[in-house]
């Protein structure tokens, strides 16, 4: 029939599939918590226009599993999870108002594209 038959010897050899699945599950658990953000979390957001590659921002809204709206320098940017990095640890207070946020932002050219 074109396939290899299973024998008792095959049962003695540990399964590679089970080991791989266990490792993949562990990786998924570790990356899910790292890549989830809450509203008012301080983050660094990828800037595609200008000299600074990363801009400070605050999560404004969660749009889905992978997209967020972020307040950056008075404007709102839509960014994917891959373009967002946590700016500070979770132990620090994360409730940042827009008025206090503007003093923490670096100077950004007004003609930056979102």
N, C-alpha and C. Protein backbone atom coordinates (compact mmCIF):
# COMPACT_ATOMS: atom_id res chain seq x y z
N UNK A 1 0.81 -1.21 0.00
CA UNK A 1 0.00 0.00 0.00
C UNK A 1 0.86 1.28 0.00
N UNK A 2 2.15 1.14 -0.03
CA UNK A 2 3.02 2.29 -0.13
C UNK A 2 3.25 3.04 1.17
N UNK A 3 2.99 2.41 2.32
CA UNK A 3 3.26 3.08 3.58
C UNK A 3 3.98 2.12 4.52
N UNK A 4 4.59 2.69 5.55
CA UNK A 4 5.35 1.89 6.50
C UNK A 4 4.41 1.43 7.61
N UNK A 5 4.41 0.16 7.94
CA UNK A 5 3.55 -0.37 8.99
C UNK A 5 4.15 -0.07 10.36
N UNK A 6 3.27 0.18 11.33
CA UNK A 6 3.72 0.43 12.70
C UNK A 6 4.00 -0.89 13.40
N UNK A 7 5.07 -0.91 14.19
CA UNK A 7 5.43 -2.11 14.94
C UNK A 7 5.54 -1.75 16.42
N UNK A 8 5.82 -2.75 17.26
CA UNK A 8 6.02 -2.50 18.69
C UNK A 8 7.25 -1.63 18.93
N UNK A 9 8.21 -1.77 18.07
CA UNK A 9 9.42 -0.97 18.20
C UNK A 9 9.09 0.53 18.04
N UNK A 10 8.15 0.87 17.18
CA UNK A 10 7.75 2.27 16.99
C UNK A 10 7.16 2.87 18.27
N UNK A 11 6.52 2.06 19.09
CA UNK A 11 5.93 2.56 20.33
C UNK A 11 7.00 2.90 21.37
N UNK A 12 8.17 2.31 21.28
CA UNK A 12 9.25 2.58 22.24
C UNK A 12 9.96 3.90 21.93
N UNK A 13 9.92 4.35 20.71
CA UNK A 13 10.58 5.58 20.32
C UNK A 13 9.68 6.76 20.69
N UNK A 14 10.22 7.77 21.41
CA UNK A 14 9.38 8.92 21.78
C UNK A 14 8.91 9.68 20.54
N UNK A 15 7.72 10.19 20.61
CA UNK A 15 7.11 10.90 19.49
C UNK A 15 7.69 12.31 19.37
N UNK A 16 8.17 12.64 18.21
CA UNK A 16 8.69 13.98 17.94
C UNK A 16 7.53 14.97 17.85
N UNK A 17 6.41 14.55 17.31
CA UNK A 17 5.25 15.43 17.17
C UNK A 17 4.77 15.97 18.51
N UNK A 18 4.71 15.12 19.51
CA UNK A 18 4.25 15.56 20.83
C UNK A 18 5.22 16.58 21.42
N UNK A 19 6.50 16.38 21.23
CA UNK A 19 7.50 17.32 21.73
C UNK A 19 7.38 18.67 21.02
N UNK A 20 7.20 18.65 19.72
CA UNK A 20 7.07 19.88 18.94
C UNK A 20 5.80 20.63 19.34
N UNK A 21 4.69 19.94 19.50
CA UNK A 21 3.44 20.58 19.91
C UNK A 21 3.57 21.22 21.28
N UNK A 22 4.26 20.57 22.19
CA UNK A 22 4.46 21.10 23.54
C UNK A 22 5.26 22.39 23.49
N UNK A 23 6.31 22.41 22.68
CA UNK A 23 7.15 23.60 22.54
C UNK A 23 6.38 24.75 21.87
N UNK A 24 5.58 24.43 20.85
CA UNK A 24 4.80 25.45 20.16
C UNK A 24 3.76 26.07 21.08
N UNK A 25 3.13 25.26 21.92
CA UNK A 25 2.15 25.77 22.86
C UNK A 25 2.82 26.70 23.87
N UNK A 26 4.01 26.34 24.34
CA UNK A 26 4.73 27.19 25.27
C UNK A 26 5.10 28.52 24.63
N UNK A 27 5.49 28.51 23.36
CA UNK A 27 5.82 29.74 22.65
C UNK A 27 4.60 30.62 22.47
N UNK A 28 3.46 30.03 22.15
CA UNK A 28 2.24 30.81 21.96
C UNK A 28 1.83 31.49 23.26
N UNK A 29 1.94 30.80 24.37
CA UNK A 29 1.56 31.37 25.65
C UNK A 29 2.47 32.54 26.01
N UNK A 30 3.76 32.44 25.73
CA UNK A 30 4.68 33.51 26.09
C UNK A 30 4.50 34.73 25.19
N UNK A 31 4.23 34.55 23.91
CA UNK A 31 4.11 35.70 23.01
C UNK A 31 2.75 36.37 23.10
N UNK A 32 1.73 35.66 23.45
CA UNK A 32 0.39 36.28 23.55
C UNK A 32 0.37 37.35 24.62
N UNK A 33 0.95 37.08 25.78
CA UNK A 33 0.92 38.07 26.86
C UNK A 33 1.82 39.25 26.55
N UNK A 34 2.91 39.04 25.81
CA UNK A 34 3.82 40.12 25.49
C UNK A 34 3.23 41.06 24.45
N UNK A 35 2.34 40.59 23.62
CA UNK A 35 1.85 41.37 22.51
C UNK A 35 0.41 41.83 22.69
N UNK A 36 -0.05 41.90 23.91
CA UNK A 36 -1.39 42.40 24.19
C UNK A 36 -1.25 43.71 24.95
N UNK A 37 -2.05 44.69 24.59
CA UNK A 37 -1.99 45.99 25.22
C UNK A 37 -3.37 46.39 25.69
N UNK A 38 -3.42 47.22 26.70
CA UNK A 38 -4.66 47.75 27.23
C UNK A 38 -4.73 49.25 26.92
N UNK A 39 -5.92 49.83 26.98
CA UNK A 39 -6.10 51.25 26.77
C UNK A 39 -5.28 51.99 27.84
N UNK A 40 -4.63 53.07 27.46
CA UNK A 40 -3.77 53.92 28.29
C UNK A 40 -2.40 53.32 28.58
N UNK A 41 -2.01 52.24 27.91
CA UNK A 41 -0.66 51.71 28.06
C UNK A 41 0.32 52.61 27.31
N UNK A 42 1.45 52.92 27.93
CA UNK A 42 2.50 53.69 27.27
C UNK A 42 3.28 52.75 26.36
N UNK A 43 3.43 53.12 25.10
CA UNK A 43 4.07 52.26 24.11
C UNK A 43 4.99 53.08 23.22
N UNK A 44 5.84 52.36 22.48
CA UNK A 44 6.61 52.94 21.39
C UNK A 44 6.01 52.42 20.10
N UNK A 45 5.78 53.31 19.15
CA UNK A 45 5.08 52.98 17.91
C UNK A 45 6.02 53.24 16.75
N UNK A 46 6.02 52.34 15.78
CA UNK A 46 6.88 52.47 14.60
C UNK A 46 6.44 53.67 13.77
N UNK A 47 7.42 54.55 13.46
CA UNK A 47 7.17 55.74 12.65
C UNK A 47 7.81 55.51 11.29
N UNK A 48 7.02 55.52 10.23
CA UNK A 48 7.51 55.27 8.89
C UNK A 48 7.88 56.54 8.15
N UNK A 49 7.59 57.69 8.72
CA UNK A 49 7.93 58.96 8.08
C UNK A 49 8.77 59.77 9.06
N UNK A 50 9.95 60.17 8.65
CA UNK A 50 10.79 60.98 9.52
C UNK A 50 12.05 60.24 9.93
N UNK A 51 12.85 60.93 10.72
CA UNK A 51 14.13 60.36 11.13
C UNK A 51 14.01 59.40 12.30
N UNK A 52 13.12 59.69 13.23
CA UNK A 52 12.94 58.82 14.39
C UNK A 52 12.12 57.60 13.98
N UNK A 53 12.68 56.42 14.19
CA UNK A 53 11.96 55.21 13.80
C UNK A 53 10.85 54.85 14.79
N UNK A 54 10.98 55.26 16.05
CA UNK A 54 10.00 54.93 17.08
C UNK A 54 9.54 56.20 17.77
N UNK A 55 8.24 56.32 17.98
CA UNK A 55 7.65 57.46 18.66
C UNK A 55 6.89 56.97 19.89
N UNK A 56 6.90 57.76 20.94
CA UNK A 56 6.13 57.42 22.13
C UNK A 56 4.66 57.66 21.86
N UNK A 57 3.84 56.81 22.44
CA UNK A 57 2.40 56.95 22.28
C UNK A 57 1.65 56.29 23.41
N UNK A 58 0.34 56.41 23.35
CA UNK A 58 -0.55 55.81 24.35
C UNK A 58 -1.65 55.09 23.60
N UNK A 59 -1.93 53.86 23.98
CA UNK A 59 -2.99 53.09 23.34
C UNK A 59 -4.32 53.79 23.59
N UNK A 60 -5.03 54.09 22.52
CA UNK A 60 -6.32 54.77 22.63
C UNK A 60 -7.47 53.77 22.54
N UNK A 61 -7.34 52.78 21.66
CA UNK A 61 -8.44 51.83 21.45
C UNK A 61 -7.90 50.55 20.85
N UNK A 62 -8.52 49.44 21.21
CA UNK A 62 -8.19 48.15 20.61
C UNK A 62 -9.20 47.88 19.50
N UNK A 63 -8.69 47.68 18.28
CA UNK A 63 -9.59 47.48 17.14
C UNK A 63 -9.89 46.02 16.87
N UNK A 64 -9.08 45.13 17.36
CA UNK A 64 -9.25 43.71 17.11
C UNK A 64 -8.15 42.94 17.80
N UNK A 65 -7.84 41.74 17.30
CA UNK A 65 -6.79 40.95 17.92
C UNK A 65 -5.41 41.53 17.69
N UNK A 66 -5.23 42.23 16.56
CA UNK A 66 -3.88 42.66 16.20
C UNK A 66 -3.74 44.14 15.90
N UNK A 67 -4.81 44.91 15.88
CA UNK A 67 -4.73 46.32 15.52
C UNK A 67 -5.16 47.21 16.67
N UNK A 68 -4.44 48.34 16.80
CA UNK A 68 -4.71 49.31 17.86
C UNK A 68 -4.69 50.71 17.29
N UNK A 69 -5.45 51.61 17.92
CA UNK A 69 -5.34 53.04 17.66
C UNK A 69 -4.46 53.62 18.75
N UNK A 70 -3.46 54.42 18.35
CA UNK A 70 -2.48 54.95 19.29
C UNK A 70 -2.43 56.46 19.17
N UNK A 71 -2.50 57.18 20.33
CA UNK A 71 -2.31 58.63 20.35
C UNK A 71 -0.83 58.91 20.27
N UNK A 72 -0.42 59.63 19.22
CA UNK A 72 0.97 60.02 19.06
C UNK A 72 1.01 61.49 18.70
N UNK A 73 1.55 62.29 19.60
CA UNK A 73 1.74 63.72 19.34
C UNK A 73 0.46 64.41 18.86
N UNK A 74 -0.63 64.13 19.51
CA UNK A 74 -1.90 64.78 19.17
C UNK A 74 -2.65 64.17 18.00
N UNK A 75 -2.07 63.18 17.35
CA UNK A 75 -2.75 62.51 16.25
C UNK A 75 -2.99 61.05 16.62
N UNK A 76 -3.84 60.39 15.87
CA UNK A 76 -4.14 58.99 16.13
C UNK A 76 -3.59 58.16 14.97
N UNK A 77 -2.79 57.16 15.30
CA UNK A 77 -2.22 56.25 14.30
C UNK A 77 -2.81 54.87 14.50
N UNK A 78 -3.09 54.19 13.41
CA UNK A 78 -3.52 52.80 13.45
C UNK A 78 -2.29 51.94 13.22
N UNK A 79 -2.02 51.03 14.16
CA UNK A 79 -0.82 50.21 14.05
C UNK A 79 -1.12 48.75 14.38
N UNK A 80 -0.37 47.87 13.72
CA UNK A 80 -0.41 46.43 13.96
C UNK A 80 0.42 46.12 15.20
N UNK A 81 0.14 45.01 15.85
CA UNK A 81 0.87 44.60 17.05
C UNK A 81 2.37 44.51 16.79
N UNK A 82 2.76 44.10 15.58
CA UNK A 82 4.18 43.99 15.25
C UNK A 82 4.87 45.35 15.20
N UNK A 83 4.11 46.43 15.14
CA UNK A 83 4.68 47.77 15.06
C UNK A 83 4.58 48.52 16.38
N UNK A 84 4.28 47.78 17.47
CA UNK A 84 4.12 48.38 18.80
C UNK A 84 5.01 47.63 19.78
N UNK A 85 5.70 48.41 20.64
CA UNK A 85 6.54 47.83 21.69
C UNK A 85 6.18 48.50 23.00
N UNK A 86 6.17 47.75 24.07
CA UNK A 86 5.87 48.29 25.39
C UNK A 86 6.96 49.29 25.80
N UNK A 87 6.56 50.47 26.28
CA UNK A 87 7.52 51.51 26.64
C UNK A 87 8.01 51.38 28.07
N UNK A 88 7.22 50.77 28.93
CA UNK A 88 7.61 50.64 30.33
C UNK A 88 7.07 49.34 30.89
N UNK A 89 7.52 48.99 32.09
CA UNK A 89 7.07 47.74 32.70
C UNK A 89 5.65 47.89 33.21
N UNK A 90 4.98 46.75 33.45
CA UNK A 90 3.58 46.76 33.91
C UNK A 90 3.45 47.24 35.34
N UNK A 91 4.54 47.23 36.13
CA UNK A 91 4.46 47.63 37.53
C UNK A 91 4.25 49.13 37.68
N UNK A 92 4.62 49.91 36.66
CA UNK A 92 4.44 51.35 36.72
C UNK A 92 3.00 51.71 36.36
N UNK A 93 2.49 52.82 36.88
CA UNK A 93 1.13 53.22 36.50
C UNK A 93 1.05 53.56 35.03
N UNK A 94 0.01 53.10 34.37
CA UNK A 94 -0.12 53.25 32.92
C UNK A 94 -1.17 54.27 32.52
N UNK A 95 -1.86 54.88 33.48
CA UNK A 95 -2.94 55.80 33.16
C UNK A 95 -2.34 57.16 32.82
N UNK A 96 -2.22 57.45 31.54
CA UNK A 96 -1.61 58.68 31.07
C UNK A 96 -2.66 59.48 30.32
N UNK A 97 -2.88 60.70 30.75
CA UNK A 97 -3.85 61.55 30.06
C UNK A 97 -3.18 62.19 28.86
N UNK A 98 -3.97 62.69 27.94
CA UNK A 98 -3.43 63.27 26.71
C UNK A 98 -2.63 64.54 27.01
N UNK A 99 -3.01 65.31 28.05
CA UNK A 99 -2.29 66.53 28.37
C UNK A 99 -0.90 66.22 28.93
N UNK A 100 -0.76 65.20 29.78
CA UNK A 100 0.55 64.84 30.30
C UNK A 100 1.37 64.12 29.26
N UNK A 101 0.70 63.51 28.30
CA UNK A 101 1.38 62.78 27.24
C UNK A 101 2.15 63.71 26.32
N UNK A 102 1.60 64.89 26.03
CA UNK A 102 2.23 65.80 25.08
C UNK A 102 3.58 66.30 25.59
N UNK A 103 3.79 66.38 26.90
CA UNK A 103 5.08 66.82 27.42
C UNK A 103 6.15 65.75 27.32
N UNK A 104 5.77 64.48 27.15
CA UNK A 104 6.73 63.39 27.08
C UNK A 104 7.14 63.05 25.64
N UNK A 105 6.50 63.66 24.67
CA UNK A 105 6.74 63.33 23.27
C UNK A 105 7.94 64.11 22.75
N UNK A 106 8.73 63.47 21.91
CA UNK A 106 9.82 64.17 21.24
C UNK A 106 9.23 65.02 20.12
N UNK A 107 10.01 66.01 19.68
CA UNK A 107 9.52 66.87 18.59
C UNK A 107 9.38 66.05 17.32
N UNK A 108 8.21 66.18 16.68
CA UNK A 108 7.92 65.46 15.45
C UNK A 108 7.53 66.48 14.40
N UNK A 109 8.03 66.35 13.18
CA UNK A 109 7.61 67.28 12.13
C UNK A 109 6.10 67.20 11.90
N UNK A 110 5.49 68.34 11.65
CA UNK A 110 4.04 68.39 11.47
C UNK A 110 3.57 67.67 10.22
N UNK A 111 4.42 67.49 9.22
CA UNK A 111 4.01 66.88 7.97
C UNK A 111 4.23 65.39 7.96
N UNK A 112 4.32 64.76 9.14
CA UNK A 112 4.52 63.31 9.18
C UNK A 112 3.26 62.59 8.74
N UNK A 113 3.43 61.49 8.01
CA UNK A 113 2.32 60.72 7.46
C UNK A 113 1.93 59.63 8.44
N UNK A 114 0.62 59.43 8.65
CA UNK A 114 0.17 58.38 9.55
C UNK A 114 -0.25 57.16 8.79
